[in-house]
Amino acid sequence: MIIKNGFINIDNQLIRKDILIKDGVILKIDDFIEGDEIIDAKGGWIIPGAVDVHVHLREPGYEYKGNMASETRAMAKGGFTTVFSMPNLKPVPDSKENMKVQLDAIEHNAVIKVIPYGAITKGEKGIELSEMEELSEY
């Protein structure tokens, strides 16, 4: 795949270059690269994917506000490739069993990489510590 006509940042300057990508790896960046599969990025910037370490996804428990698929698609459109999901969900990811509910939603519906945070306390009530040791497996 070749991305053509996009601007990349080289030494703090936006310069138009072509990028050759194979199997998800950048093989070459040059002024002109020929090939069959071309993505025209004319007028656009080609940048690394953005990461957000504090997002509020609404699945599980609050799907009436949004769901894993719709929210991660919107994030992808905005250039995000990885996000970290806060634990204010139903069920609260405070145990292995509860975390699995969120992990299943991520596996089946997320279009970008989602890394969930486990809750520090059970039910996010600030009284009893969550099952942090078993959550650390994730």
C-alpha atoms as a PDB file:
ATOM      1  CA  MET A   1       0.000   0.000   0.000  1.00  0.00           C
ATOM      2  CA  ILE A   2       1.244   3.484  -0.804  1.00  0.00           C
ATOM      3  CA  ILE A   3      -0.003   6.652   0.839  1.00  0.00           C
ATOM      4  CA  LYS A   4       0.577   9.497  -1.607  1.00  0.00           C
ATOM      5  CA  ASN A   5       0.433  13.291  -1.468  1.00  0.00           C
ATOM      6  CA  GLY A   6       0.239  13.573   2.312  1.00  0.00           C
ATOM      7  CA  PHE A   7       2.266  15.893   4.479  1.00  0.00           C
ATOM      8  CA  ILE A   8       4.616  14.439   7.088  1.00  0.00           C
ATOM      9  CA  ASN A   9       6.658  16.216   9.736  1.00  0.00           C
ATOM     10  CA  ILE A  10      10.378  16.108   9.031  1.00  0.00           C
ATOM     11  CA  ASP A  11      12.594  18.358  11.162  1.00  0.00           C
ATOM     12  CA  ASN A  12       9.561  20.442  12.205  1.00  0.00           C
ATOM     13  CA  GLN A  13       8.536  21.076   8.605  1.00  0.00           C
ATOM     14  CA  LEU A  14       5.491  19.672   6.829  1.00  0.00           C
ATOM     15  CA  ILE A  15       6.799  18.060   3.656  1.00  0.00           C
ATOM     16  CA  ARG A  16       4.791  16.181   1.025  1.00  0.00           C
ATOM     17  CA  LYS A  17       6.050  12.594   0.730  1.00  0.00           C
ATOM     18  CA  ASP A  18       4.856   9.151  -0.337  1.00  0.00           C
ATOM     19  CA  ILE A  19       4.935   6.271   2.137  1.00  0.00           C
ATOM     20  CA  LEU A  20       5.236   2.580   1.244  1.00  0.00           C
ATOM     21  CA  ILE A  21       3.634   0.252   3.791  1.00  0.00           C
ATOM     22  CA  LYS A  22       3.705  -3.553   3.763  1.00  0.00           C
ATOM     23  CA  ASP A  23       2.171  -5.778   6.438  1.00  0.00           C
ATOM     24  CA  GLY A  24       1.648  -2.738   8.678  1.00  0.00           C
ATOM     25  CA  VAL A  25       5.310  -1.678   8.499  1.00  0.00           C
ATOM     26  CA  ILE A  26       6.634   1.476   6.837  1.00  0.00           C
ATOM     27  CA  LEU A  27       9.243   0.310   4.328  1.00  0.00           C
ATOM     28  CA  LYS A  28      10.054   3.545   2.525  1.00  0.00           C
ATOM     29  CA  ILE A  29       9.382   7.283   2.605  1.00  0.00           C
ATOM     30  CA  ASP A  30      10.284   9.141  -0.575  1.00  0.00           C
ATOM     31  CA  ASP A  31       9.208  11.918  -2.953  1.00  0.00           C
ATOM     32  CA  PHE A  32       7.626   9.477  -5.412  1.00  0.00           C
ATOM     33  CA  ILE A  33       6.821   5.783  -4.998  1.00  0.00           C
ATOM     34  CA  GLU A  34       4.962   3.721  -7.611  1.00  0.00           C
ATOM     35  CA  GLY A  35       2.550   0.902  -6.882  1.00  0.00           C
ATOM     36  CA  ASP A  36      -0.923  -0.541  -7.361  1.00  0.00           C
ATOM     37  CA  GLU A  37      -2.727  -0.017  -4.055  1.00  0.00           C
ATOM     38  CA  ILE A  38      -2.782   3.748  -3.474  1.00  0.00           C
ATOM     39  CA  ILE A  39      -4.415   5.903  -0.831  1.00  0.00           C
ATOM     40  CA  ASP A  40      -4.521   9.559  -1.828  1.00  0.00           C
ATOM     41  CA  ALA A  41      -3.972  11.729   1.254  1.00  0.00           C
ATOM     42  CA  LYS A  42      -3.936  14.955  -0.777  1.00  0.00           C
ATOM     43  CA  GLY A  43      -3.973  17.940   1.533  1.00  0.00           C
ATOM     44  CA  GLY A  44      -3.922  15.749   4.644  1.00  0.00           C
ATOM     45  CA  TRP A  45      -1.339  15.134   7.301  1.00  0.00           C
ATOM     46  CA  ILE A  46       0.054  11.682   7.942  1.00  0.00           C
ATOM     47  CA  ILE A  47       0.778  11.409  11.650  1.00  0.00           C
ATOM     48  CA  PRO A  48       1.189   8.653  14.241  1.00  0.00           C
ATOM     49  CA  GLY A  49      -2.020   7.513  15.895  1.00  0.00           C
ATOM     50  CA  ALA A  50      -3.138   9.466  18.939  1.00  0.00           C
ATOM     51  CA  VAL A  51      -3.484   7.921  22.414  1.00  0.00           C
ATOM     52  CA  ASP A  52      -5.975   9.084  25.067  1.00  0.00           C
ATOM     53  CA  VAL A  53      -5.376   7.780  28.598  1.00  0.00           C
ATOM     54  CA  HIS A  54      -8.725   8.999  30.002  1.00  0.00           C
ATOM     55  CA  VAL A  55     -11.886   8.127  28.086  1.00  0.00           C
ATOM     56  CA  HIS A  56     -15.360   7.311  29.337  1.00  0.00           C
ATOM     57  CA  LEU A  57     -16.725   4.477  27.258  1.00  0.00           C
ATOM     58  CA  ARG A  58     -20.323   3.623  28.110  1.00  0.00           C
ATOM     59  CA  GLU A  59     -20.326  -0.129  27.616  1.00  0.00           C
ATOM     60  CA  PRO A  60     -21.148  -2.106  29.666  1.00  0.00           C
ATOM     61  CA  GLY A  61     -24.027  -0.570  31.563  1.00  0.00           C
ATOM     62  CA  TYR A  62     -24.740   2.746  29.886  1.00  0.00           C
ATOM     63  CA  GLU A  63     -25.358   1.775  26.266  1.00  0.00           C
ATOM     64  CA  TYR A  64     -28.177   4.297  26.025  1.00  0.00           C
ATOM     65  CA  LYS A  65     -25.427   6.953  26.030  1.00  0.00           C
ATOM     66  CA  GLY A  66     -23.165   5.177  23.525  1.00  0.00           C
ATOM     67  CA  ASN A  67     -21.645   1.796  22.842  1.00  0.00           C
ATOM     68  CA  MET A  68     -18.210   0.346  22.239  1.00  0.00           C
ATOM     69  CA  ALA A  69     -18.625   0.237  18.461  1.00  0.00           C
ATOM     70  CA  SER A  70     -19.995   3.773  18.001  1.00  0.00           C
ATOM     71  CA  GLU A  71     -17.568   5.401  20.414  1.00  0.00           C
ATOM     72  CA  THR A  72     -14.430   3.674  19.149  1.00  0.00           C
ATOM     73  CA  ARG A  73     -15.425   4.393  15.525  1.00  0.00           C
ATOM     74  CA  ALA A  74     -15.696   8.082  16.412  1.00  0.00           C
ATOM     75  CA  MET A  75     -12.320   7.945  18.138  1.00  0.00           C
ATOM     76  CA  ALA A  76     -10.748   6.270  15.091  1.00  0.00           C
ATOM     77  CA  LYS A  77     -12.155   9.021  12.848  1.00  0.00           C
ATOM     78  CA  GLY A  78     -10.451  11.522  15.137  1.00  0.00           C
ATOM     79  CA  GLY A  79      -7.066   9.806  14.702  1.00  0.00           C
ATOM     80  CA  PHE A  80      -6.988   7.788  17.921  1.00  0.00           C
ATOM     81  CA  THR A  81      -5.516   4.303  17.738  1.00  0.00           C
ATOM     82  CA  THR A  82      -5.371   3.510  21.473  1.00  0.00           C
ATOM     83  CA  VAL A  83      -7.506   4.624  24.420  1.00  0.00           C
ATOM     84  CA  PHE A  84      -7.630   3.768  28.119  1.00  0.00           C
ATOM     85  CA  SER A  85     -11.147   3.281  29.445  1.00  0.00           C
ATOM     86  CA  MET A  86     -12.175   4.561  32.883  1.00  0.00           C
ATOM     87  CA  PRO A  87     -13.894   2.055  35.220  1.00  0.00           C
ATOM     88  CA  ASN A  88     -17.188   3.912  35.849  1.00  0.00           C
ATOM     89  CA  LEU A  89     -19.298   1.155  34.297  1.00  0.00           C
ATOM     90  CA  LYS A  90     -21.975  -1.399  35.242  1.00  0.00           C
ATOM     91  CA  PRO A  91     -20.697  -3.763  36.391  1.00  0.00           C
ATOM     92  CA  VAL A  92     -17.712  -1.891  37.790  1.00  0.00           C
ATOM     93  CA  PRO A  93     -14.537  -3.713  36.687  1.00  0.00           C
ATOM     94  CA  ASP A  94     -13.460  -4.443  40.258  1.00  0.00           C
ATOM     95  CA  SER A  95     -13.036  -8.219  39.866  1.00  0.00           C
ATOM     96  CA  LYS A  96     -11.953 -10.655  37.193  1.00  0.00           C
ATOM     97  CA  GLU A  97     -15.588 -11.603  36.536  1.00  0.00           C
ATOM     98  CA  ASN A  98     -16.716  -7.986  36.112  1.00  0.00           C
ATOM     99  CA  MET A  99     -13.686  -7.059  34.011  1.00  0.00           C
ATOM    100  CA  LYS A 100     -14.521  -9.901  31.629  1.00  0.00           C
ATOM    101  CA  VAL A 101     -17.826  -8.213  30.741  1.00  0.00           C
ATOM    102  CA  GLN A 102     -15.940  -5.153  29.497  1.00  0.00           C
ATOM    103  CA  LEU A 103     -13.197  -7.203  27.834  1.00  0.00           C
ATOM    104  CA  ASP A 104     -15.839  -9.134  25.869  1.00  0.00           C
ATOM    105  CA  ALA A 105     -17.374  -5.860  24.630  1.00  0.00           C
ATOM    106  CA  ILE A 106     -13.918  -4.619  23.634  1.00  0.00           C
ATOM    107  CA  GLU A 107     -13.043  -7.853  21.827  1.00  0.00           C
ATOM    108  CA  HIS A 108     -16.293  -8.013  19.869  1.00  0.00           C
ATOM    109  CA  ASN A 109     -17.017  -4.336  19.139  1.00  0.00           C
ATOM    110  CA  ALA A 110     -13.987  -2.038  19.481  1.00  0.00           C
ATOM    111  CA  VAL A 111     -12.338  -0.877  16.254  1.00  0.00           C
ATOM    112  CA  ILE A 112      -9.249   0.536  17.980  1.00  0.00           C
ATOM    113  CA  LYS A 113      -7.121  -0.727  20.872  1.00  0.00           C
ATOM    114  CA  VAL A 114      -8.927  -0.226  24.205  1.00  0.00           C
ATOM    115  CA  ILE A 115      -7.050  -0.787  27.455  1.00  0.00           C
ATOM    116  CA  PRO A 116      -9.426  -0.882  30.432  1.00  0.00           C
ATOM    117  CA  TYR A 117      -8.617   0.443  33.880  1.00  0.00           C
ATOM    118  CA  GLY A 118      -9.740  -1.669  36.800  1.00  0.00           C
ATOM    119  CA  ALA A 119     -11.440   0.042  39.735  1.00  0.00           C
ATOM    120  CA  ILE A 120      -9.337   0.666  42.834  1.00  0.00           C
ATOM    121  CA  THR A 121     -12.220  -0.036  45.208  1.00  0.00           C
ATOM    122  CA  LYS A 122     -15.184  -2.378  44.992  1.00  0.00           C
ATOM    123  CA  GLY A 123     -18.096  -0.701  43.271  1.00  0.00           C
ATOM    124  CA  GLU A 124     -16.005   2.506  43.191  1.00  0.00           C
ATOM    125  CA  LYS A 125     -17.320   3.231  46.700  1.00  0.00           C
ATOM    126  CA  GLY A 126     -13.967   3.968  48.332  1.00  0.00           C
ATOM    127  CA  ILE A 127     -14.525   1.487  51.170  1.00  0.00           C
ATOM    128  CA  GLU A 128     -13.011  -1.890  50.274  1.00  0.00           C
ATOM    129  CA  LEU A 129     -10.146  -2.496  47.867  1.00  0.00           C
ATOM    130  CA  SER A 130     -10.982  -4.291  44.634  1.00  0.00           C
ATOM    131  CA  GLU A 131      -9.446  -7.581  43.574  1.00  0.00           C
ATOM    132  CA  MET A 132      -6.349  -5.795  42.261  1.00  0.00           C
ATOM    133  CA  GLU A 133      -4.126  -8.852  42.171  1.00  0.00           C
ATOM    134  CA  GLU A 134      -6.472 -10.739  39.853  1.00  0.00           C
ATOM    135  CA  LEU A 135      -7.102  -7.585  37.795  1.00  0.00           C
ATOM    136  CA  SER A 136      -3.352  -7.198  37.267  1.00  0.00           C
ATOM    137  CA  GLU A 137      -3.514 -10.191  34.907  1.00  0.00           C
ATOM    138  CA  TYR A 138      -5.128  -7.905  32.354  1.00  0.00           C
END
